[in-house]
Structures are given as structure tokens and as C-alpha cells.
Amino acid sequence: MLSSDSQIVEGLRSSTLLSFGFIQENIQAAGSYFNLKTINKELRRENTRLAYENFQLQDVLLENIRLHRLLQFKYKAGFEPVPAKIVGFSPQDFVTGFLLSTENIEKVHKNDAVITVDGLAGKIVKLSGGYAICQNLLDPNSRISVRVQRNRELGIISWDGGSGLLLKQVTNTVEIKEGDVLFTSGMSRIFPPGIKVGHVISVEKQDEQLFQRIQVKPAVNFNQIEEVFIVHIKSEDGPEH
């Protein structure tokens, strides 16, 4: 067939090549789809890692401007993001949060922080089989030590009873402004420092109260997230956890 010049053979040859080309093109397309899925997963992992580093670098920049020690600063990340997918909500009588599934469940530990590219989502509170339960920031029992990026003031973040957060334990003498960004303080053994938690949307000073009422919008939209990353902190002085 390949060497013949007859019209019949030429037609068969063209049809054969067309069919073969169509099949090969679809096989390649299918392979590209699965390759792209893997590439996208790795890109999301890298994007989250870079976002976390960006959170810390913003904090570092302000610190160095304030202290004039830019050349003395040494930055080190020291964590490994483990990708996980939200497959459901946690039981309401247990904790407000999510049920997570990950292929690397052996790398996950209780109290590991859970983040997205936008900021802090919560922490791991329970492991069962191949699943993990994440307590998010809107859980009534959630408490997080944070620092105001602009003036380094410390406070405690907790649920406000609705869809937002409150910054507590900040006295009326401290200046807090709308738009102030809050990061994890690093004062806790659970959350590493420098993860964005949210920003201030309202400040109310009450004359008869010692502390201000400060409303905070979470950095993470808990109604939209589908995938998260579990932050496993590596310790230089001993076991990872």
C-alpha cells in the first residue's frame, strides 16, 4: 500500500493516516490532561509556599525598616506544605471546621497549622484513618495569638459569633486602625509566626471598658476554599513533632 500509486490504494492510505493521526492526537491530549493535572497540583503547592514566605517577608521588611538591621537579618522558612482536599464538614458537635483528605496523611500531626494561599485557615485537631479534622478560625473554642503588623502590638483572635473575628486583649491606649494587618505572633507552639490571619475592619473604644472592640475580617474565605495545605514545622533541635 505504501509503495502503490493507484487511486484506490491512495485513498486507503489517506484514510489510514487520517485515522491514525486522529487516534494519536487524542492519546496525546489525554496524556496532556493528566500531566497538566499533576503540574497544576505542584504549582498550587509552590504558590502557597511562596505566599507564606511573602507574608513573612512583608513582616520582615517592616522590622528591618524600624530597626535598621537589614544586613543582619537571616530568613529561614523551615516548613513543608502538605496538600489536602476538603471532602466535607466536621461534625458540628465536635468542632467547627472541615474534614480533610490527603495522600500524605503520614506527614500530618495533631496541631499542625492549616493554611491557604490567602492565610491561616485553622489547625489539625484529630486524625482518623486517612482523614484529618481541621478546626477553623470560626470555631467558638479557637484562640490565636496575633501581632499587628504596623505597630507590633499583641492580641488574641477569636470568633465573633458570626462570619468574622474579634481582636481581643488590646487596651484603649493602643492605636489600632482600620486596615491594620494581623499575623500569627509565633508566641504559640502551634502556629508558626508570620501567617496572615486577617485585617481590621472596625475599631470601637468603649469608655467603660478596658479593652477595645476590634472587628476583623479573616484572610481566608471559608465559604469558598476547596483545597488547603497543612504546615508541618521542621525542628532543627530534635524530632519534627
C-alpha atoms as a PDB file:
ATOM      1  CA  MET A   1       0.000   0.000   0.000  1.00  0.00           C
ATOM      2  CA  LEU A   2       2.796   2.396   0.860  1.00  0.00           C
ATOM      3  CA  SER A   3       4.543   1.973  -2.497  1.00  0.00           C
ATOM      4  CA  SER A   4       1.483   1.735  -4.791  1.00  0.00           C
ATOM      5  CA  ASP A   5       0.307   4.803  -6.771  1.00  0.00           C
ATOM      6  CA  SER A   6      -3.235   3.594  -7.643  1.00  0.00           C
ATOM      7  CA  GLN A   7      -6.144   5.858  -6.683  1.00  0.00           C
ATOM      8  CA  ILE A   8      -7.809   3.135  -4.577  1.00  0.00           C
ATOM      9  CA  VAL A   9      -4.654   2.470  -2.597  1.00  0.00           C
ATOM     10  CA  GLU A  10      -4.003   6.192  -2.305  1.00  0.00           C
ATOM     11  CA  GLY A  11      -7.467   6.651  -0.818  1.00  0.00           C
ATOM     12  CA  LEU A  12      -6.953   3.833   1.663  1.00  0.00           C
ATOM     13  CA  ARG A  13      -3.572   5.274   2.558  1.00  0.00           C
ATOM     14  CA  SER A  14      -5.078   8.722   3.245  1.00  0.00           C
ATOM     15  CA  SER A  15      -7.911   7.259   5.334  1.00  0.00           C
ATOM     16  CA  THR A  16      -5.482   5.138   7.325  1.00  0.00           C
ATOM     17  CA  LEU A  17      -3.176   8.073   8.026  1.00  0.00           C
ATOM     18  CA  LEU A  18      -6.141  10.272   8.975  1.00  0.00           C
ATOM     19  CA  SER A  19      -7.466   7.673  11.438  1.00  0.00           C
ATOM     20  CA  PHE A  20      -4.019   7.020  12.865  1.00  0.00           C
ATOM     21  CA  GLY A  21      -3.394  10.730  13.297  1.00  0.00           C
ATOM     22  CA  PHE A  22      -6.780  11.210  14.997  1.00  0.00           C
ATOM     23  CA  ILE A  23      -6.085   8.382  17.453  1.00  0.00           C
ATOM     24  CA  GLN A  24      -2.588   9.609  18.237  1.00  0.00           C
ATOM     25  CA  GLU A  25      -3.814  13.168  18.740  1.00  0.00           C
ATOM     26  CA  ASN A  26      -6.438  12.032  21.257  1.00  0.00           C
ATOM     27  CA  ILE A  27      -3.953   9.821  23.085  1.00  0.00           C
ATOM     28  CA  GLN A  28      -1.583  12.765  23.379  1.00  0.00           C
ATOM     29  CA  ALA A  29      -4.434  15.025  24.511  1.00  0.00           C
ATOM     30  CA  ALA A  30      -5.399  12.555  27.247  1.00  0.00           C
ATOM     31  CA  GLY A  31      -1.798  12.330  28.391  1.00  0.00           C
ATOM     32  CA  SER A  32      -1.504  16.114  28.416  1.00  0.00           C
ATOM     33  CA  TYR A  33      -4.635  16.388  30.564  1.00  0.00           C
ATOM     34  CA  PHE A  34      -3.252  14.123  33.281  1.00  0.00           C
ATOM     35  CA  ASN A  35       0.151  15.805  33.072  1.00  0.00           C
ATOM     36  CA  LEU A  36      -1.472  19.223  33.458  1.00  0.00           C
ATOM     37  CA  LYS A  37      -3.416  17.989  36.498  1.00  0.00           C
ATOM     38  CA  THR A  38      -0.161  16.947  38.154  1.00  0.00           C
ATOM     39  CA  ILE A  39       1.576  20.172  37.160  1.00  0.00           C
ATOM     40  CA  ASN A  40      -1.311  22.276  38.477  1.00  0.00           C
ATOM     41  CA  LYS A  41      -1.167  20.465  41.822  1.00  0.00           C
ATOM     42  CA  GLU A  42       2.532  21.204  42.142  1.00  0.00           C
ATOM     43  CA  LEU A  43       2.013  24.828  41.093  1.00  0.00           C
ATOM     44  CA  ARG A  44      -0.666  25.285  43.777  1.00  0.00           C
ATOM     45  CA  ARG A  45       1.705  23.807  46.358  1.00  0.00           C
ATOM     46  CA  GLU A  46       4.502  26.160  45.275  1.00  0.00           C
ATOM     47  CA  ASN A  47       2.128  29.140  45.152  1.00  0.00           C
ATOM     48  CA  THR A  48       1.062  28.525  48.737  1.00  0.00           C
ATOM     49  CA  ARG A  49       4.653  28.180  49.897  1.00  0.00           C
ATOM     50  CA  LEU A  50       5.615  31.432  48.186  1.00  0.00           C
ATOM     51  CA  ALA A  51       2.576  33.205  49.637  1.00  0.00           C
ATOM     52  CA  TYR A  52       3.621  32.124  53.142  1.00  0.00           C
ATOM     53  CA  GLU A  53       7.135  33.396  52.512  1.00  0.00           C
ATOM     54  CA  ASN A  54       5.674  36.653  51.203  1.00  0.00           C
ATOM     55  CA  PHE A  55       3.666  37.071  54.429  1.00  0.00           C
ATOM     56  CA  GLN A  56       6.849  36.717  56.443  1.00  0.00           C
ATOM     57  CA  LEU A  57       8.903  38.922  54.144  1.00  0.00           C
ATOM     58  CA  GLN A  58       6.367  41.750  54.495  1.00  0.00           C
ATOM     59  CA  ASP A  59       6.745  41.474  58.241  1.00  0.00           C
ATOM     60  CA  VAL A  60      10.498  41.278  57.948  1.00  0.00           C
ATOM     61  CA  LEU A  61      10.655  44.379  55.750  1.00  0.00           C
ATOM     62  CA  LEU A  62       8.813  46.478  58.327  1.00  0.00           C
ATOM     63  CA  GLU A  63      11.016  45.114  61.086  1.00  0.00           C
ATOM     64  CA  ASN A  64      14.192  45.984  59.252  1.00  0.00           C
ATOM     65  CA  ILE A  65      12.999  49.462  58.355  1.00  0.00           C
ATOM     66  CA  ARG A  66      12.216  50.025  62.008  1.00  0.00           C
ATOM     67  CA  LEU A  67      15.417  48.539  63.426  1.00  0.00           C
ATOM     68  CA  HIS A  68      17.849  49.336  60.554  1.00  0.00           C
ATOM     69  CA  ARG A  69      19.243  45.830  60.605  1.00  0.00           C
ATOM     70  CA  LEU A  70      18.639  44.700  57.052  1.00  0.00           C
ATOM     71  CA  LEU A  71      22.128  43.248  56.623  1.00  0.00           C
ATOM     72  CA  GLN A  72      21.930  41.316  59.885  1.00  0.00           C
ATOM     73  CA  PHE A  73      18.672  39.558  59.135  1.00  0.00           C
ATOM     74  CA  LYS A  74      18.668  35.890  58.210  1.00  0.00           C
ATOM     75  CA  TYR A  75      15.402  34.450  56.901  1.00  0.00           C
ATOM     76  CA  LYS A  76      14.569  30.765  57.012  1.00  0.00           C
ATOM     77  CA  ALA A  77      11.221  29.174  56.213  1.00  0.00           C
ATOM     78  CA  GLY A  78      11.565  25.699  57.774  1.00  0.00           C
ATOM     79  CA  PHE A  79       8.244  24.105  56.871  1.00  0.00           C
ATOM     80  CA  GLU A  80       6.798  21.621  54.414  1.00  0.00           C
ATOM     81  CA  PRO A  81       3.314  22.201  52.930  1.00  0.00           C
ATOM     82  CA  VAL A  82       1.222  19.035  52.673  1.00  0.00           C
ATOM     83  CA  PRO A  83      -1.658  19.413  50.176  1.00  0.00           C
ATOM     84  CA  ALA A  84      -5.118  18.307  51.311  1.00  0.00           C
ATOM     85  CA  LYS A  85      -8.608  18.440  49.872  1.00  0.00           C
ATOM     86  CA  ILE A  86     -11.735  19.430  51.789  1.00  0.00           C
ATOM     87  CA  VAL A  87     -14.136  16.497  51.438  1.00  0.00           C
ATOM     88  CA  GLY A  88     -16.754  17.562  53.967  1.00  0.00           C
ATOM     89  CA  PHE A  89     -17.561  19.429  57.138  1.00  0.00           C
ATOM     90  CA  SER A  90     -16.560  18.167  60.550  1.00  0.00           C
ATOM     91  CA  PRO A  91     -19.315  17.002  62.915  1.00  0.00           C
ATOM     92  CA  GLN A  92     -20.931  20.099  64.432  1.00  0.00           C
ATOM     93  CA  ASP A  93     -20.973  18.604  67.929  1.00  0.00           C
ATOM     94  CA  PHE A  94     -17.215  18.091  67.745  1.00  0.00           C
ATOM     95  CA  VAL A  95     -15.681  21.163  66.129  1.00  0.00           C
ATOM     96  CA  THR A  96     -16.445  23.825  63.527  1.00  0.00           C
ATOM     97  CA  GLY A  97     -14.235  23.024  60.591  1.00  0.00           C
ATOM     98  CA  PHE A  98     -13.506  20.669  57.741  1.00  0.00           C
ATOM     99  CA  LEU A  99     -12.828  17.016  57.015  1.00  0.00           C
ATOM    100  CA  LEU A 100      -9.593  16.769  55.041  1.00  0.00           C
ATOM    101  CA  SER A 101      -8.232  14.055  52.794  1.00  0.00           C
ATOM    102  CA  THR A 102      -4.571  13.851  51.785  1.00  0.00           C
ATOM    103  CA  GLU A 103      -2.289  11.317  50.128  1.00  0.00           C
ATOM    104  CA  ASN A 104       0.400  12.193  52.673  1.00  0.00           C
ATOM    105  CA  ILE A 105      -1.546  11.561  55.873  1.00  0.00           C
ATOM    106  CA  GLU A 106       1.587  10.040  57.463  1.00  0.00           C
ATOM    107  CA  LYS A 107       3.171  13.506  57.398  1.00  0.00           C
ATOM    108  CA  VAL A 108       0.268  15.121  59.262  1.00  0.00           C
ATOM    109  CA  HIS A 109       0.251  15.610  63.034  1.00  0.00           C
ATOM    110  CA  LYS A 110      -2.216  16.941  65.551  1.00  0.00           C
ATOM    111  CA  ASN A 111      -1.897  20.736  65.970  1.00  0.00           C
ATOM    112  CA  ASP A 112      -0.296  21.253  62.563  1.00  0.00           C
ATOM    113  CA  ALA A 113      -1.373  24.613  61.139  1.00  0.00           C
ATOM    114  CA  VAL A 114      -3.683  24.646  58.098  1.00  0.00           C
ATOM    115  CA  ILE A 115      -3.237  27.428  55.557  1.00  0.00           C
ATOM    116  CA  THR A 116      -4.276  28.529  52.080  1.00  0.00           C
ATOM    117  CA  VAL A 117      -2.573  30.928  49.692  1.00  0.00           C
ATOM    118  CA  ASP A 118      -4.561  33.715  51.422  1.00  0.00           C
ATOM    119  CA  GLY A 119      -3.596  32.952  55.006  1.00  0.00           C
ATOM    120  CA  LEU A 120      -4.410  30.928  58.116  1.00  0.00           C
ATOM    121  CA  ALA A 121      -7.402  28.577  57.995  1.00  0.00           C
ATOM    122  CA  GLY A 122      -7.028  26.697  61.289  1.00  0.00           C
ATOM    123  CA  LYS A 123      -5.276  23.691  62.811  1.00  0.00           C
ATOM    124  CA  ILE A 124      -5.487  19.896  62.826  1.00  0.00           C
ATOM    125  CA  VAL A 125      -7.338  18.650  65.909  1.00  0.00           C
ATOM    126  CA  LYS A 126      -7.922  14.972  65.102  1.00  0.00           C
ATOM    127  CA  LEU A 127      -6.598  12.208  62.830  1.00  0.00           C
ATOM    128  CA  SER A 128      -8.625   9.143  61.933  1.00  0.00           C
ATOM    129  CA  GLY A 129      -7.640   6.637  59.269  1.00  0.00           C
ATOM    130  CA  GLY A 130      -6.726   8.515  56.128  1.00  0.00           C
ATOM    131  CA  TYR A 131      -8.538  11.680  57.190  1.00  0.00           C
ATOM    132  CA  ALA A 132      -7.866  14.731  59.348  1.00  0.00           C
ATOM    133  CA  ILE A 133     -10.223  17.187  61.010  1.00  0.00           C
ATOM    134  CA  CYS A 134      -9.349  20.864  60.776  1.00  0.00           C
ATOM    135  CA  GLN A 135     -10.691  23.285  63.370  1.00  0.00           C
ATOM    136  CA  ASN A 136     -11.109  26.581  61.531  1.00  0.00           C
ATOM    137  CA  LEU A 137     -10.936  30.116  62.908  1.00  0.00           C
ATOM    138  CA  LEU A 138     -14.727  30.336  63.222  1.00  0.00           C
ATOM    139  CA  ASP A 139     -14.860  27.639  65.896  1.00  0.00           C
ATOM    140  CA  PRO A 140     -16.057  29.051  69.257  1.00  0.00           C
ATOM    141  CA  ASN A 141     -13.066  27.488  71.024  1.00  0.00           C
ATOM    142  CA  SER A 142     -10.445  28.796  68.605  1.00  0.00           C
ATOM    143  CA  ARG A 143      -7.868  31.182  70.108  1.00  0.00           C
ATOM    144  CA  ILE A 144      -4.869  32.522  68.189  1.00  0.00           C
ATOM    145  CA  SER A 145      -2.099  34.820  69.336  1.00  0.00           C
ATOM    146  CA  VAL A 146      -1.521  37.524  66.721  1.00  0.00           C
ATOM    147  CA  ARG A 147       0.582  40.608  66.206  1.00  0.00           C
ATOM    148  CA  VAL A 148      -0.435  43.840  64.478  1.00  0.00           C
ATOM    149  CA  GLN A 149       1.986  44.265  61.599  1.00  0.00           C
ATOM    150  CA  ARG A 150       2.152  48.064  61.783  1.00  0.00           C
ATOM    151  CA  ASN A 151       2.931  48.602  65.465  1.00  0.00           C
ATOM    152  CA  ARG A 152       3.815  45.073  66.718  1.00  0.00           C
ATOM    153  CA  GLU A 153       1.027  45.026  69.321  1.00  0.00           C
ATOM    154  CA  LEU A 154      -0.098  41.613  70.550  1.00  0.00           C
ATOM    155  CA  GLY A 155      -3.673  40.393  70.808  1.00  0.00           C
ATOM    156  CA  ILE A 156      -5.877  37.310  70.751  1.00  0.00           C
ATOM    157  CA  ILE A 157      -8.095  36.380  67.785  1.00  0.00           C
ATOM    158  CA  SER A 158     -11.378  34.573  68.414  1.00  0.00           C
ATOM    159  CA  TRP A 159     -14.728  34.057  66.703  1.00  0.00           C
ATOM    160  CA  ASP A 160     -17.178  36.988  66.803  1.00  0.00           C
ATOM    161  CA  GLY A 161     -20.313  34.806  66.773  1.00  0.00           C
ATOM    162  CA  GLY A 162     -20.997  35.386  63.075  1.00  0.00           C
ATOM    163  CA  SER A 163     -18.802  35.176  59.994  1.00  0.00           C
ATOM    164  CA  GLY A 164     -15.940  37.267  61.335  1.00  0.00           C
ATOM    165  CA  LEU A 165     -13.346  37.526  64.077  1.00  0.00           C
ATOM    166  CA  LEU A 166     -12.550  39.718  67.068  1.00  0.00           C
ATOM    167  CA  LEU A 167      -9.146  41.003  68.120  1.00  0.00           C
ATOM    168  CA  LYS A 168      -9.195  40.915  71.916  1.00  0.00           C
ATOM    169  CA  GLN A 169      -6.946  41.951  74.822  1.00  0.00           C
ATOM    170  CA  VAL A 170      -5.973  45.284  73.212  1.00  0.00           C
ATOM    171  CA  THR A 171      -6.353  48.195  75.629  1.00  0.00           C
ATOM    172  CA  ASN A 172      -7.900  51.555  74.752  1.00  0.00           C
ATOM    173  CA  THR A 173      -4.490  53.231  74.952  1.00  0.00           C
ATOM    174  CA  VAL A 174      -3.203  51.288  71.921  1.00  0.00           C
ATOM    175  CA  GLU A 175      -3.725  52.772  68.459  1.00  0.00           C
ATOM    176  CA  ILE A 176      -5.417  50.303  66.126  1.00  0.00           C
ATOM    177  CA  LYS A 177      -6.528  51.456  62.666  1.00  0.00           C
ATOM    178  CA  GLU A 178      -8.923  50.076  60.089  1.00  0.00           C
ATOM    179  CA  GLY A 179      -6.913  48.127  57.551  1.00  0.00           C
ATOM    180  CA  ASP A 180      -4.245  47.013  60.032  1.00  0.00           C
ATOM    181  CA  VAL A 181      -2.989  43.555  59.035  1.00  0.00           C
ATOM    182  CA  LEU A 182      -2.715  40.766  61.600  1.00  0.00           C
ATOM    183  CA  PHE A 183      -0.217  37.898  61.515  1.00  0.00           C
ATOM    184  CA  THR A 184       0.367  34.938  63.776  1.00  0.00           C
ATOM    185  CA  SER A 185       2.729  36.103  66.512  1.00  0.00           C
ATOM    186  CA  GLY A 186       4.811  32.964  66.951  1.00  0.00           C
ATOM    187  CA  MET A 187       4.102  33.077  70.701  1.00  0.00           C
ATOM    188  CA  SER A 188       2.208  29.789  70.372  1.00  0.00           C
ATOM    189  CA  ARG A 189       3.813  26.360  69.951  1.00  0.00           C
ATOM    190  CA  ILE A 190       1.106  25.525  67.418  1.00  0.00           C
ATOM    191  CA  PHE A 191       1.159  28.306  64.840  1.00  0.00           C
ATOM    192  CA  PRO A 192       4.437  29.427  63.245  1.00  0.00           C
ATOM    193  CA  PRO A 193       4.982  33.194  63.064  1.00  0.00           C
ATOM    194  CA  GLY A 194       4.172  35.308  60.048  1.00  0.00           C
ATOM    195  CA  ILE A 195       0.987  33.693  58.696  1.00  0.00           C
ATOM    196  CA  LYS A 196      -1.621  36.248  57.692  1.00  0.00           C
ATOM    197  CA  VAL A 197      -4.814  35.959  59.775  1.00  0.00           C
ATOM    198  CA  GLY A 198      -6.900  38.923  58.618  1.00  0.00           C
ATOM    199  CA  HIS A 199      -7.280  42.699  58.705  1.00  0.00           C
ATOM    200  CA  VAL A 200      -9.116  45.163  60.923  1.00  0.00           C
ATOM    201  CA  ILE A 201     -12.441  46.430  59.571  1.00  0.00           C
ATOM    202  CA  SER A 202     -13.735  48.409  62.578  1.00  0.00           C
ATOM    203  CA  VAL A 203     -12.461  49.761  65.892  1.00  0.00           C
ATOM    204  CA  GLU A 204     -14.668  50.789  68.803  1.00  0.00           C
ATOM    205  CA  LYS A 205     -13.290  52.258  72.030  1.00  0.00           C
ATOM    206  CA  GLN A 206     -15.668  51.871  74.948  1.00  0.00           C
ATOM    207  CA  ASP A 207     -15.223  54.352  77.799  1.00  0.00           C
ATOM    208  CA  GLU A 208     -16.423  51.958  80.458  1.00  0.00           C
ATOM    209  CA  GLN A 209     -14.315  49.066  79.175  1.00  0.00           C
ATOM    210  CA  LEU A 210     -10.568  48.484  79.447  1.00  0.00           C
ATOM    211  CA  PHE A 211     -10.271  46.822  76.033  1.00  0.00           C
ATOM    212  CA  GLN A 212     -11.301  47.933  72.559  1.00  0.00           C
ATOM    213  CA  ARG A 213     -13.803  46.063  70.431  1.00  0.00           C
ATOM    214  CA  ILE A 214     -11.949  45.342  67.191  1.00  0.00           C
ATOM    215  CA  GLN A 215     -13.688  43.579  64.318  1.00  0.00           C
ATOM    216  CA  VAL A 216     -11.507  41.563  61.959  1.00  0.00           C
ATOM    217  CA  LYS A 217     -12.183  40.097  58.526  1.00  0.00           C
ATOM    218  CA  PRO A 218     -10.468  36.712  58.059  1.00  0.00           C
ATOM    219  CA  ALA A 219      -7.854  36.470  55.324  1.00  0.00           C
ATOM    220  CA  VAL A 220      -9.462  33.192  54.225  1.00  0.00           C
ATOM    221  CA  ASN A 221     -12.981  32.983  52.766  1.00  0.00           C
ATOM    222  CA  PHE A 222     -14.257  29.849  54.477  1.00  0.00           C
ATOM    223  CA  ASN A 223     -17.240  29.580  52.107  1.00  0.00           C
ATOM    224  CA  GLN A 224     -15.062  29.178  49.025  1.00  0.00           C
ATOM    225  CA  ILE A 225     -11.978  27.162  49.897  1.00  0.00           C
ATOM    226  CA  GLU A 226     -11.730  23.654  48.457  1.00  0.00           C
ATOM    227  CA  GLU A 227      -8.063  22.853  48.996  1.00  0.00           C
ATOM    228  CA  VAL A 228      -5.687  23.655  51.842  1.00  0.00           C
ATOM    229  CA  PHE A 229      -2.109  22.990  52.856  1.00  0.00           C
ATOM    230  CA  ILE A 230      -1.073  21.526  56.176  1.00  0.00           C
ATOM    231  CA  VAL A 231       2.055  23.186  57.530  1.00  0.00           C
ATOM    232  CA  HIS A 232       4.426  20.734  59.122  1.00  0.00           C
ATOM    233  CA  ILE A 233       7.121  22.595  61.041  1.00  0.00           C
ATOM    234  CA  LYS A 234      10.600  21.112  60.947  1.00  0.00           C
ATOM    235  CA  SER A 235      12.606  21.401  64.123  1.00  0.00           C
ATOM    236  CA  GLU A 236      16.359  21.835  63.997  1.00  0.00           C
ATOM    237  CA  ASP A 237      16.819  20.743  67.607  1.00  0.00           C
ATOM    238  CA  GLY A 238      15.063  17.403  67.535  1.00  0.00           C
ATOM    239  CA  PRO A 239      12.203  15.434  66.002  1.00  0.00           C
ATOM    240  CA  GLU A 240       9.875  17.267  63.650  1.00  0.00           C
ATOM    241  CA  HIS A 241       6.965  16.844  66.099  1.00  0.00           C
END
